[in-house]
PDB file of all heavy atoms in Angstrom:
ATOM      1  N   GLY A   1      15.079   6.239  15.508  1.00  0.00           N
ATOM      2  CA  GLY A   1      15.113   7.582  14.963  1.00  0.00           C
ATOM      3  C   GLY A   1      16.021   7.764  13.758  1.00  0.00           C
ATOM      4  O   GLY A   1      16.173   8.857  13.250  1.00  0.00           O
ATOM      5  N   LYS A   2      16.637   6.673  13.302  1.00  0.00           N
ATOM      6  CA  LYS A   2      17.518   6.738  12.130  1.00  0.00           C
ATOM      7  C   LYS A   2      16.838   6.034  10.963  1.00  0.00           C
ATOM      8  O   LYS A   2      15.993   5.165  11.153  1.00  0.00           O
ATOM      9  CB  LYS A   2      18.863   6.070  12.423  1.00  0.00           C
ATOM     10  CG  LYS A   2      19.649   6.757  13.512  1.00  0.00           C
ATOM     11  CD  LYS A   2      20.916   6.020  13.813  1.00  0.00           C
ATOM     12  CE  LYS A   2      21.612   6.631  15.020  1.00  0.00           C
ATOM     13  NZ  LYS A   2      22.614   5.756  15.563  1.00  0.00           N
ATOM     14  N   VAL A   3      17.248   6.405   9.755  1.00  0.00           N
ATOM     15  CA  VAL A   3      16.655   5.835   8.550  1.00  0.00           C
ATOM     16  C   VAL A   3      17.755   5.264   7.662  1.00  0.00           C
ATOM     17  O   VAL A   3      18.769   5.911   7.426  1.00  0.00           O
ATOM     18  CB  VAL A   3      15.866   6.914   7.760  1.00  0.00           C
ATOM     19  CG1 VAL A   3      15.316   6.337   6.470  1.00  0.00           C
ATOM     20  CG2 VAL A   3      14.754   7.499   8.621  1.00  0.00           C
ATOM     21  N   TRP A   4      17.552   4.028   7.176  1.00  0.00           N
ATOM     22  CA  TRP A   4      18.422   3.399   6.203  1.00  0.00           C
ATOM     23  C   TRP A   4      17.638   3.284   4.907  1.00  0.00           C
ATOM     24  O   TRP A   4      16.565   2.677   4.881  1.00  0.00           O
ATOM     25  CB  TRP A   4      18.857   2.004   6.681  1.00  0.00           C
ATOM     26  CG  TRP A   4      19.862   2.030   7.774  1.00  0.00           C
ATOM     27  CD1 TRP A   4      21.215   1.861   7.648  1.00  0.00           C
ATOM     28  CD2 TRP A   4      19.614   2.246   9.176  1.00  0.00           C
ATOM     29  NE1 TRP A   4      21.808   1.963   8.879  1.00  0.00           N
ATOM     30  CE2 TRP A   4      20.864   2.200   9.847  1.00  0.00           C
ATOM     31  CE3 TRP A   4      18.469   2.481   9.921  1.00  0.00           C
ATOM     32  CZ2 TRP A   4      20.983   2.357  11.196  1.00  0.00           C
ATOM     33  CZ3 TRP A   4      18.583   2.651  11.294  1.00  0.00           C
ATOM     34  CH2 TRP A   4      19.834   2.592  11.918  1.00  0.00           C
ATOM     35  N   ASP A   5      18.149   3.887   3.856  1.00  0.00           N
ATOM     36  CA  ASP A   5      17.520   3.821   2.532  1.00  0.00           C
ATOM     37  C   ASP A   5      18.084   2.611   1.787  1.00  0.00           C
ATOM     38  O   ASP A   5      19.292   2.425   1.743  1.00  0.00           O
ATOM     39  CB  ASP A   5      17.802   5.093   1.732  1.00  0.00           C
ATOM     40  CG  ASP A   5      17.119   6.306   2.316  1.00  0.00           C
ATOM     41  OD1 ASP A   5      15.891   6.305   2.444  1.00  0.00           O
ATOM     42  OD2 ASP A   5      17.834   7.270   2.668  1.00  0.00           O
ATOM     43  N   LEU A   6      17.207   1.830   1.211  1.00  0.00           N
ATOM     44  CA  LEU A   6      17.634   0.648   0.474  1.00  0.00           C
ATOM     45  C   LEU A   6      16.614   0.347  -0.604  1.00  0.00           C
ATOM     46  O   LEU A   6      15.641   1.081  -0.779  1.00  0.00           O
ATOM     47  CB  LEU A   6      17.826  -0.542   1.398  1.00  0.00           C
ATOM     48  CG  LEU A   6      16.605  -1.166   2.058  1.00  0.00           C
ATOM     49  CD1 LEU A   6      16.955  -2.565   2.545  1.00  0.00           C
ATOM     50  CD2 LEU A   6      16.142  -0.359   3.228  1.00  0.00           C
ATOM     51  N   LEU A   7      16.821  -0.714  -1.327  1.00  0.00           N
ATOM     52  CA  LEU A   7      15.864  -1.159  -2.332  1.00  0.00           C
ATOM     53  C   LEU A   7      15.114  -2.379  -1.816  1.00  0.00           C
ATOM     54  O   LEU A   7      15.694  -3.277  -1.209  1.00  0.00           O
ATOM     55  CB  LEU A   7      16.566  -1.536  -3.644  1.00  0.00           C
ATOM     56  CG  LEU A   7      17.039  -0.395  -4.507  1.00  0.00           C
ATOM     57  CD1 LEU A   7      17.792  -0.926  -5.723  1.00  0.00           C
ATOM     58  CD2 LEU A   7      15.879   0.487  -4.953  1.00  0.00           C
ATOM     59  N   TYR A   8      13.812  -2.378  -2.070  1.00  0.00           N
ATOM     60  CA  TYR A   8      12.997  -3.552  -1.877  1.00  0.00           C
ATOM     61  C   TYR A   8      12.935  -4.241  -3.223  1.00  0.00           C
ATOM     62  O   TYR A   8      12.614  -3.619  -4.226  1.00  0.00           O
ATOM     63  CB  TYR A   8      11.582  -3.157  -1.401  1.00  0.00           C
ATOM     64  CG  TYR A   8      10.572  -4.223  -1.613  1.00  0.00           C
ATOM     65  CD1 TYR A   8      10.497  -5.311  -0.759  1.00  0.00           C
ATOM     66  CD2 TYR A   8       9.687  -4.170  -2.683  1.00  0.00           C
ATOM     67  CE1 TYR A   8       9.573  -6.323  -0.967  1.00  0.00           C
ATOM     68  CE2 TYR A   8       8.751  -5.167  -2.888  1.00  0.00           C
ATOM     69  CZ  TYR A   8       8.696  -6.228  -2.029  1.00  0.00           C
ATOM     70  OH  TYR A   8       7.784  -7.212  -2.242  1.00  0.00           O
ATOM     71  N   LEU A   9      13.311  -5.506  -3.273  1.00  0.00           N
ATOM     72  CA  LEU A   9      13.321  -6.270  -4.512  1.00  0.00           C
ATOM     73  C   LEU A   9      12.064  -7.122  -4.536  1.00  0.00           C
ATOM     74  O   LEU A   9      11.952  -8.113  -3.815  1.00  0.00           O
ATOM     75  CB  LEU A   9      14.567  -7.124  -4.591  1.00  0.00           C
ATOM     76  CG  LEU A   9      15.886  -6.348  -4.405  1.00  0.00           C
ATOM     77  CD1 LEU A   9      17.061  -7.297  -4.320  1.00  0.00           C
ATOM     78  CD2 LEU A   9      16.086  -5.341  -5.523  1.00  0.00           C
ATOM     79  N   GLY A  10      11.098  -6.691  -5.370  1.00  0.00           N
ATOM     80  CA  GLY A  10       9.802  -7.370  -5.459  1.00  0.00           C
ATOM     81  C   GLY A  10       9.950  -8.830  -5.839  1.00  0.00           C
ATOM     82  O   GLY A  10      11.017  -9.417  -5.688  1.00  0.00           O
ATOM     83  N   ASP A  11       8.909  -9.397  -6.358  1.00  0.00           N
ATOM     84  CA  ASP A  11       8.836 -10.832  -6.617  1.00  0.00           C
ATOM     85  C   ASP A  11      10.072 -11.323  -7.384  1.00  0.00           C
ATOM     86  O   ASP A  11      10.323 -10.944  -8.520  1.00  0.00           O
ATOM     87  CB  ASP A  11       7.578 -11.148  -7.424  1.00  0.00           C
ATOM     88  CG  ASP A  11       7.295 -12.626  -7.515  1.00  0.00           C
ATOM     89  OD1 ASP A  11       8.151 -13.440  -7.121  1.00  0.00           O
ATOM     90  OD2 ASP A  11       6.208 -12.972  -8.005  1.00  0.00           O
ATOM     91  N   GLN A  12      10.853 -12.166  -6.716  1.00  0.00           N
ATOM     92  CA  GLN A  12      12.073 -12.751  -7.283  1.00  0.00           C
ATOM     93  C   GLN A  12      11.816 -14.163  -7.792  1.00  0.00           C
ATOM     94  O   GLN A  12      12.736 -14.955  -7.943  1.00  0.00           O
ATOM     95  CB  GLN A  12      13.191 -12.782  -6.224  1.00  0.00           C
ATOM     96  CG  GLN A  12      13.513 -11.422  -5.653  1.00  0.00           C
ATOM     97  CD  GLN A  12      14.178 -10.529  -6.666  1.00  0.00           C
ATOM     98  OE1 GLN A  12      15.256 -10.862  -7.174  1.00  0.00           O
ATOM     99  NE2 GLN A  12      13.554  -9.438  -6.995  1.00  0.00           N
ATOM    100  N   GLY A  13      10.565 -14.483  -8.037  1.00  0.00           N
ATOM    101  CA  GLY A  13      10.194 -15.831  -8.463  1.00  0.00           C
ATOM    102  C   GLY A  13       9.716 -16.642  -7.278  1.00  0.00           C
ATOM    103  O   GLY A  13      10.210 -16.468  -6.165  1.00  0.00           O
ATOM    104  N   ALA A  14       8.725 -17.453  -7.492  1.00  0.00           N
ATOM    105  CA  ALA A  14       8.150 -18.303  -6.435  1.00  0.00           C
ATOM    106  C   ALA A  14       7.639 -17.470  -5.250  1.00  0.00           C
ATOM    107  O   ALA A  14       7.663 -17.920  -4.114  1.00  0.00           O
ATOM    108  CB  ALA A  14       9.153 -19.358  -5.959  1.00  0.00           C
ATOM    109  N   GLY A  15       7.208 -16.232  -5.531  1.00  0.00           N
ATOM    110  CA  GLY A  15       6.665 -15.381  -4.486  1.00  0.00           C
ATOM    111  C   GLY A  15       7.685 -14.892  -3.477  1.00  0.00           C
ATOM    112  O   GLY A  15       7.354 -14.468  -2.392  1.00  0.00           O
ATOM    113  N   ARG A  16       8.978 -14.919  -3.846  1.00  0.00           N
ATOM    114  CA  ARG A  16      10.031 -14.488  -2.926  1.00  0.00           C
ATOM    115  C   ARG A  16      10.383 -13.025  -3.152  1.00  0.00           C
ATOM    116  O   ARG A  16      10.638 -12.600  -4.266  1.00  0.00           O
ATOM    117  CB  ARG A  16      11.270 -15.340  -3.116  1.00  0.00           C
ATOM    118  CG  ARG A  16      11.041 -16.749  -2.705  1.00  0.00           C
ATOM    119  CD  ARG A  16      12.276 -17.567  -2.940  1.00  0.00           C
ATOM    120  NE  ARG A  16      11.910 -18.945  -2.722  1.00  0.00           N
ATOM    121  CZ  ARG A  16      12.755 -19.843  -2.275  1.00  0.00           C
ATOM    122  NH1 ARG A  16      13.974 -19.514  -2.022  1.00  0.00           N
ATOM    123  NH2 ARG A  16      12.348 -21.073  -2.109  1.00  0.00           N
ATOM    124  N   CYS A  17      10.391 -12.268  -2.070  1.00  0.00           N
ATOM    125  CA  CYS A  17      10.766 -10.868  -2.099  1.00  0.00           C
ATOM    126  C   CYS A  17      11.847 -10.680  -1.048  1.00  0.00           C
ATOM    127  O   CYS A  17      11.936 -11.438  -0.090  1.00  0.00           O
ATOM    128  CB  CYS A  17       9.572 -10.001  -1.745  1.00  0.00           C
ATOM    129  SG  CYS A  17       8.166 -10.266  -2.829  1.00  0.00           S
ATOM    130  N   LYS A  18      12.678  -9.656  -1.226  1.00  0.00           N
ATOM    131  CA  LYS A  18      13.745  -9.447  -0.252  1.00  0.00           C
ATOM    132  C   LYS A  18      14.168  -7.996  -0.219  1.00  0.00           C
ATOM    133  O   LYS A  18      13.798  -7.197  -1.071  1.00  0.00           O
ATOM    134  CB  LYS A  18      14.932 -10.364  -0.544  1.00  0.00           C
ATOM    135  CG  LYS A  18      15.578 -10.134  -1.890  1.00  0.00           C
ATOM    136  CD  LYS A  18      16.680 -11.151  -2.136  1.00  0.00           C
ATOM    137  CE  LYS A  18      17.287 -10.953  -3.503  1.00  0.00           C
ATOM    138  NZ  LYS A  18      18.344 -11.891  -3.778  1.00  0.00           N
ATOM    139  N   LEU A  19      14.982  -7.681   0.781  1.00  0.00           N
ATOM    140  CA  LEU A  19      15.592  -6.363   0.895  1.00  0.00           C
ATOM    141  C   LEU A  19      16.986  -6.422   0.296  1.00  0.00           C
ATOM    142  O   LEU A  19      17.662  -7.437   0.413  1.00  0.00           O
ATOM    143  CB  LEU A  19      15.664  -5.925   2.364  1.00  0.00           C
ATOM    144  CG  LEU A  19      14.335  -5.769   3.092  1.00  0.00           C
ATOM    145  CD1 LEU A  19      14.568  -5.404   4.536  1.00  0.00           C
ATOM    146  CD2 LEU A  19      13.441  -4.738   2.407  1.00  0.00           C
ATOM    147  N   GLU A  20      17.364  -5.338  -0.330  1.00  0.00           N
ATOM    148  CA  GLU A  20      18.684  -5.230  -0.967  1.00  0.00           C
ATOM    149  C   GLU A  20      19.769  -5.497   0.065  1.00  0.00           C
ATOM    150  O   GLU A  20      19.743  -5.020   1.186  1.00  0.00           O
ATOM    151  CB  GLU A  20      18.783  -3.837  -1.598  1.00  0.00           C
ATOM    152  CG  GLU A  20      20.113  -3.447  -2.104  1.00  0.00           C
ATOM    153  CD  GLU A  20      20.798  -2.516  -1.147  1.00  0.00           C
ATOM    154  OE1 GLU A  20      20.159  -1.616  -0.583  1.00  0.00           O
ATOM    155  OE2 GLU A  20      22.004  -2.699  -0.944  1.00  0.00           O
ATOM    156  N   LYS A  21      20.725  -6.290  -0.341  1.00  0.00           N
ATOM    157  CA  LYS A  21      21.763  -6.862   0.545  1.00  0.00           C
ATOM    158  C   LYS A  21      22.703  -5.809   1.160  1.00  0.00           C
ATOM    159  O   LYS A  21      22.987  -5.845   2.354  1.00  0.00           O
ATOM    160  CB  LYS A  21      22.525  -7.889  -0.274  1.00  0.00           C
ATOM    161  CG  LYS A  21      23.718  -8.479   0.346  1.00  0.00           C
ATOM    162  CD  LYS A  21      24.313  -9.490  -0.612  1.00  0.00           C
ATOM    163  CE  LYS A  21      25.618 -10.024  -0.130  1.00  0.00           C
ATOM    164  NZ  LYS A  21      26.065 -11.153  -0.875  1.00  0.00           N
ATOM    165  N   ARG A  22      23.225  -4.885   0.367  1.00  0.00           N
ATOM    166  CA  ARG A  22      24.267  -3.991   0.847  1.00  0.00           C
ATOM    167  C   ARG A  22      23.785  -3.125   2.014  1.00  0.00           C
ATOM    168  O   ARG A  22      24.447  -3.032   3.053  1.00  0.00           O
ATOM    169  CB  ARG A  22      24.773  -3.117  -0.306  1.00  0.00           C
ATOM    170  CG  ARG A  22      25.943  -2.231   0.091  1.00  0.00           C
ATOM    171  CD  ARG A  22      26.427  -1.359  -1.049  1.00  0.00           C
ATOM    172  NE  ARG A  22      25.335  -0.491  -1.474  1.00  0.00           N
ATOM    173  CZ  ARG A  22      24.950  -0.297  -2.742  1.00  0.00           C
ATOM    174  NH1 ARG A  22      25.582  -0.902  -3.707  1.00  0.00           N
ATOM    175  NH2 ARG A  22      23.961   0.494  -3.029  1.00  0.00           N
ATOM    176  N   THR A  23      22.596  -2.507   1.893  1.00  0.00           N
ATOM    177  CA  THR A  23      22.130  -1.634   2.968  1.00  0.00           C
ATOM    178  C   THR A  23      21.597  -2.449   4.140  1.00  0.00           C
ATOM    179  O   THR A  23      21.730  -2.033   5.292  1.00  0.00           O
ATOM    180  CB  THR A  23      21.081  -0.642   2.462  1.00  0.00           C
ATOM    181  OG1 THR A  23      21.616   0.045   1.326  1.00  0.00           O
ATOM    182  CG2 THR A  23      20.722   0.379   3.513  1.00  0.00           C
ATOM    183  N   TRP A  24      21.014  -3.625   3.873  1.00  0.00           N
ATOM    184  CA  TRP A  24      20.614  -4.500   4.983  1.00  0.00           C
ATOM    185  C   TRP A  24      21.866  -4.847   5.802  1.00  0.00           C
ATOM    186  O   TRP A  24      21.840  -4.837   7.036  1.00  0.00           O
ATOM    187  CB  TRP A  24      19.900  -5.764   4.501  1.00  0.00           C
ATOM    188  CG  TRP A  24      19.849  -6.810   5.562  1.00  0.00           C
ATOM    189  CD1 TRP A  24      20.519  -7.989   5.592  1.00  0.00           C
ATOM    190  CD2 TRP A  24      19.142  -6.728   6.799  1.00  0.00           C
ATOM    191  NE1 TRP A  24      20.252  -8.650   6.767  1.00  0.00           N
ATOM    192  CE2 TRP A  24      19.413  -7.908   7.541  1.00  0.00           C
ATOM    193  CE3 TRP A  24      18.286  -5.772   7.379  1.00  0.00           C
ATOM    194  CZ2 TRP A  24      18.874  -8.158   8.798  1.00  0.00           C
ATOM    195  CZ3 TRP A  24      17.762  -6.029   8.626  1.00  0.00           C
ATOM    196  CH2 TRP A  24      18.051  -7.208   9.333  1.00  0.00           C
ATOM    197  N   ALA A  25      22.968  -5.129   5.145  1.00  0.00           N
ATOM    198  CA  ALA A  25      24.228  -5.423   5.837  1.00  0.00           C
ATOM    199  C   ALA A  25      24.672  -4.235   6.687  1.00  0.00           C
ATOM    200  O   ALA A  25      25.119  -4.406   7.818  1.00  0.00           O
ATOM    201  CB  ALA A  25      25.310  -5.797   4.828  1.00  0.00           C
ATOM    202  N   LYS A  26      24.551  -3.035   6.146  1.00  0.00           N
ATOM    203  CA  LYS A  26      24.925  -1.838   6.888  1.00  0.00           C
ATOM    204  C   LYS A  26      24.026  -1.668   8.128  1.00  0.00           C
ATOM    205  O   LYS A  26      24.515  -1.393   9.228  1.00  0.00           O
ATOM    206  CB  LYS A  26      24.857  -0.599   6.011  1.00  0.00           C
ATOM    207  CG  LYS A  26      25.244   0.675   6.753  1.00  0.00           C
ATOM    208  CD  LYS A  26      25.704   1.753   5.835  1.00  0.00           C
ATOM    209  CE  LYS A  26      26.053   3.041   6.542  1.00  0.00           C
ATOM    210  NZ  LYS A  26      26.760   2.927   7.790  1.00  0.00           N
ATOM    211  N   PHE A  27      22.719  -1.876   7.946  1.00  0.00           N
ATOM    212  CA  PHE A  27      21.805  -1.800   9.083  1.00  0.00           C
ATOM    213  C   PHE A  27      22.201  -2.816  10.151  1.00  0.00           C
ATOM    214  O   PHE A  27      22.283  -2.495  11.336  1.00  0.00           O
ATOM    215  CB  PHE A  27      20.364  -2.055   8.620  1.00  0.00           C
ATOM    216  CG  PHE A  27      19.366  -2.126   9.736  1.00  0.00           C
ATOM    217  CD1 PHE A  27      18.850  -0.968  10.293  1.00  0.00           C
ATOM    218  CD2 PHE A  27      18.958  -3.351  10.262  1.00  0.00           C
ATOM    219  CE1 PHE A  27      17.943  -1.027  11.348  1.00  0.00           C
ATOM    220  CE2 PHE A  27      18.047  -3.421  11.298  1.00  0.00           C
ATOM    221  CZ  PHE A  27      17.547  -2.245  11.856  1.00  0.00           C
ATOM    222  N   ALA A  28      22.469  -4.035   9.744  1.00  0.00           N
ATOM    223  CA  ALA A  28      22.831  -5.107  10.688  1.00  0.00           C
ATOM    224  C   ALA A  28      24.134  -4.787  11.425  1.00  0.00           C
ATOM    225  O   ALA A  28      24.221  -4.989  12.639  1.00  0.00           O
ATOM    226  CB  ALA A  28      22.931  -6.446   9.959  1.00  0.00           C
ATOM    227  N   THR A  29      25.130  -4.297  10.716  1.00  0.00           N
ATOM    228  CA  THR A  29      26.399  -3.986  11.367  1.00  0.00           C
ATOM    229  C   THR A  29      26.318  -2.710  12.200  1.00  0.00           C
ATOM    230  O   THR A  29      26.845  -2.657  13.299  1.00  0.00           O
ATOM    231  CB  THR A  29      27.556  -3.902  10.365  1.00  0.00           C
ATOM    232  OG1 THR A  29      27.229  -2.975   9.341  1.00  0.00           O
ATOM    233  CG2 THR A  29      27.837  -5.258   9.743  1.00  0.00           C
ATOM    234  N   ASP A  30      25.606  -1.688  11.700  1.00  0.00           N
ATOM    235  CA  ASP A  30      25.438  -0.448  12.473  1.00  0.00           C
ATOM    236  C   ASP A  30      24.794  -0.721  13.826  1.00  0.00           C
ATOM    237  O   ASP A  30      25.104  -0.063  14.818  1.00  0.00           O
ATOM    238  CB  ASP A  30      24.565   0.561  11.711  1.00  0.00           C
ATOM    239  CG  ASP A  30      25.262   1.237  10.560  1.00  0.00           C
ATOM    240  OD1 ASP A  30      26.493   1.028  10.378  1.00  0.00           O
ATOM    241  OD2 ASP A  30      24.568   1.961   9.810  1.00  0.00           O
ATOM    242  N   ASN A  31      23.872  -1.674  13.863  1.00  0.00           N
ATOM    243  CA  ASN A  31      23.126  -1.971  15.078  1.00  0.00           C
ATOM    244  C   ASN A  31      23.633  -3.195  15.819  1.00  0.00           C
ATOM    245  O   ASN A  31      22.983  -3.686  16.741  1.00  0.00           O
ATOM    246  CB  ASN A  31      21.634  -2.090  14.736  1.00  0.00           C
ATOM    247  CG  ASN A  31      21.094  -0.746  14.292  1.00  0.00           C
ATOM    248  OD1 ASN A  31      20.981   0.179  15.091  1.00  0.00           O
ATOM    249  ND2 ASN A  31      20.796  -0.631  13.016  1.00  0.00           N
ATOM    250  N   LYS A  32      24.794  -3.691  15.393  1.00  0.00           N
ATOM    251  CA  LYS A  32      25.473  -4.823  16.060  1.00  0.00           C
ATOM    252  C   LYS A  32      24.515  -6.003  16.265  1.00  0.00           C
ATOM    253  O   LYS A  32      24.435  -6.590  17.340  1.00  0.00           O
ATOM    254  CB  LYS A  32      26.075  -4.380  17.382  1.00  0.00           C
ATOM    255  CG  LYS A  32      27.147  -3.304  17.204  1.00  0.00           C
ATOM    256  CD  LYS A  32      27.687  -2.837  18.542  1.00  0.00           C
ATOM    257  CE  LYS A  32      28.792  -1.838  18.399  1.00  0.00           C
ATOM    258  NZ  LYS A  32      28.491  -0.577  17.822  1.00  0.00           N
ATOM    259  N   LEU A  33      23.792  -6.356  15.194  1.00  0.00           N
ATOM    260  CA  LEU A  33      22.880  -7.481  15.258  1.00  0.00           C
ATOM    261  C   LEU A  33      23.665  -8.785  15.291  1.00  0.00           C
ATOM    262  O   LEU A  33      24.693  -8.909  14.646  1.00  0.00           O
ATOM    263  CB  LEU A  33      21.907  -7.463  14.082  1.00  0.00           C
ATOM    264  CG  LEU A  33      20.993  -6.242  13.973  1.00  0.00           C
ATOM    265  CD1 LEU A  33      20.070  -6.359  12.791  1.00  0.00           C
ATOM    266  CD2 LEU A  33      20.227  -6.018  15.260  1.00  0.00           C
ATOM    267  N   ASN A  34      23.150  -9.745  16.038  1.00  0.00           N
ATOM    268  CA  ASN A  34      23.799 -11.044  16.200  1.00  0.00           C
ATOM    269  C   ASN A  34      22.816 -12.165  15.925  1.00  0.00           C
ATOM    270  O   ASN A  34      21.602 -11.970  15.943  1.00  0.00           O
ATOM    271  CB  ASN A  34      24.312 -11.204  17.645  1.00  0.00           C
ATOM    272  CG  ASN A  34      25.382 -10.209  17.969  1.00  0.00           C
ATOM    273  OD1 ASN A  34      26.389 -10.154  17.291  1.00  0.00           O
ATOM    274  ND2 ASN A  34      25.176  -9.439  19.033  1.00  0.00           N
ATOM    275  N   VAL A  35      23.361 -13.349  15.660  1.00  0.00           N
ATOM    276  CA  VAL A  35      22.537 -14.536  15.527  1.00  0.00           C
ATOM    277  C   VAL A  35      21.700 -14.678  16.796  1.00  0.00           C
ATOM    278  O   VAL A  35      22.190 -14.476  17.904  1.00  0.00           O
ATOM    279  CB  VAL A  35      23.426 -15.793  15.305  1.00  0.00           C
ATOM    280  CG1 VAL A  35      22.628 -17.074  15.406  1.00  0.00           C
ATOM    281  CG2 VAL A  35      24.146 -15.690  13.966  1.00  0.00           C
ATOM    282  N   ARG A  36      20.420 -14.980  16.628  1.00  0.00           N
ATOM    283  CA  ARG A  36      19.419 -15.149  17.677  1.00  0.00           C
ATOM    284  C   ARG A  36      18.820 -13.838  18.182  1.00  0.00           C
ATOM    285  O   ARG A  36      17.926 -13.871  19.030  1.00  0.00           O
ATOM    286  CB  ARG A  36      19.901 -16.039  18.813  1.00  0.00           C
ATOM    287  CG  ARG A  36      20.173 -17.457  18.337  1.00  0.00           C
ATOM    288  CD  ARG A  36      20.618 -18.399  19.424  1.00  0.00           C
ATOM    289  NE  ARG A  36      19.650 -18.617  20.482  1.00  0.00           N
ATOM    290  CZ  ARG A  36      18.726 -19.577  20.472  1.00  0.00           C
ATOM    291  NH1 ARG A  36      18.642 -20.387  19.465  1.00  0.00           N
ATOM    292  NH2 ARG A  36      17.915 -19.704  21.496  1.00  0.00           N
ATOM    293  N   ASP A  37      19.256 -12.674  17.671  1.00  0.00           N
ATOM    294  CA  ASP A  37      18.496 -11.454  17.922  1.00  0.00           C
ATOM    295  C   ASP A  37      17.245 -11.551  17.065  1.00  0.00           C
ATOM    296  O   ASP A  37      17.237 -12.222  16.028  1.00  0.00           O
ATOM    297  CB  ASP A  37      19.286 -10.204  17.500  1.00  0.00           C
ATOM    298  CG  ASP A  37      20.465  -9.885  18.414  1.00  0.00           C
ATOM    299  OD1 ASP A  37      20.523 -10.430  19.536  1.00  0.00           O
ATOM    300  OD2 ASP A  37      21.308  -9.073  17.999  1.00  0.00           O
ATOM    301  N   ALA A  38      16.188 -10.889  17.490  1.00  0.00           N
ATOM    302  CA  ALA A  38      14.946 -10.910  16.706  1.00  0.00           C
ATOM    303  C   ALA A  38      14.636  -9.507  16.215  1.00  0.00           C
ATOM    304  O   ALA A  38      14.920  -8.513  16.891  1.00  0.00           O
ATOM    305  CB  ALA A  38      13.797 -11.432  17.558  1.00  0.00           C
TER     306      ALA A  38
END
C-alpha cells in the first residue's frame, strides 16, 4: 500500500536497464530486505 517514486533508467547499453539507485536503496532499507530474499 506504499509507493516509492524513482527513476527508471532505460537502455544503458547492451540492452541493460535499471532502477535508480538512491530510491531503490530506500525501498530495500525501508522493507528490511536481506540477501536471499526474493
